[in-house]
């Protein structure tokens, strides 16, 4: 189907842009001499993940056990579940391993380590477990110099659980926007994770994997000495937050929402479209950045950005396009944006927008679309 035949709103994936993004990241990490384990939570889509693996990725990262189950069923066996495990999820994780999935778990505290060790003893079968390291104070993990790092390592190792490595995520990179700041954080991320691995090895514990990553640091690291693999997810589609950070351009953003003009409010300079927050999500990530793009940046049907407009407001099923600048002089709205006009909206956060839809319409270079399913839930 062509774009003018699709019901709106609809999630579009520009295949040439996506493939270019995949090739860019894979080529960069190949040159730096590390493996790449893409985070598939962004897309939750088999076609996208198969393209990443075909380009040279080694294994995948997931954020839910449902993702692990779905991609294992699709033939992917090397999977890192990169959220600290809790006891209630251990039986489901073990079921995957017993079916042949090389599923790796993550812990970042002694209680979780004890629970994993106890469960494995009862099952007489061990997981491979990695320790999450906090290298930037952003979210979860144990700081590289904390005593708890070695205590968790001891609990796992002494109980017969395989201590597979350490992993970290420099999520604070989303708060930066200059090349120097990004490269400095990438080095901080690398050095902290390598230091944690060395402390474990010095204490007599195995620690083969040293896994780092976020899209901004993966694209900004100048060296990755001591690192075995990198993880990144949103790079495959990119979004407006990544554009404001400076790691992609508007022309790299591969995900957009197809929408239709359904009305006007001339006295307010508003154009009403049928993509509200149910389509775009409520993510307002650009509001904390140097350029606030509301709920998204509108484009013409061919993808040309309308830089003088912004999706400034969103109700459940209504989106509001308004001038990007207060002094902007608008022409007759009904002439410029007639009822039925189709537009594309670039999202703030590709992960959040993608999850609003049960499927993508993958757009090829010849303008034809193909349906790619995605899945929801945990």
Foldseek 3Di string as FASTA:
>chain_A
DFLLPDDPFAKEFAVVLLLVLLLVLLVLVVVQPAAAAEEALLFLFPVSVVSNVVSPHDHYEYQDVVSVVVVVVVPGAAYENPDADDLVCVVVVVVSVVVPHLYEHEHAAQVSLLSQLVVCVVVVHAHAYEYEEEQDPPDDHHWLPDPRLQVSLCSCVVSPHHHAAYEYEPPCLLLAADLVVLQVSLVSQLVRQLSSCVVNVVVPHDHDAREYEEVSSSQRHPHRPSHHYYYYYCSSQDFVSNVLSPSDHLVSHRIWTKWFFADDDVVQQKTKIFDFCLQLPPDQSCVSGPAGQAFFFKAAPVSHTPVQWGQNHGDNGITIIHGSDPPDDDDPCCVVRNGGGMIITTGHRSSRNSQSDQWYFYAYPVRHTDTTGRDDDD
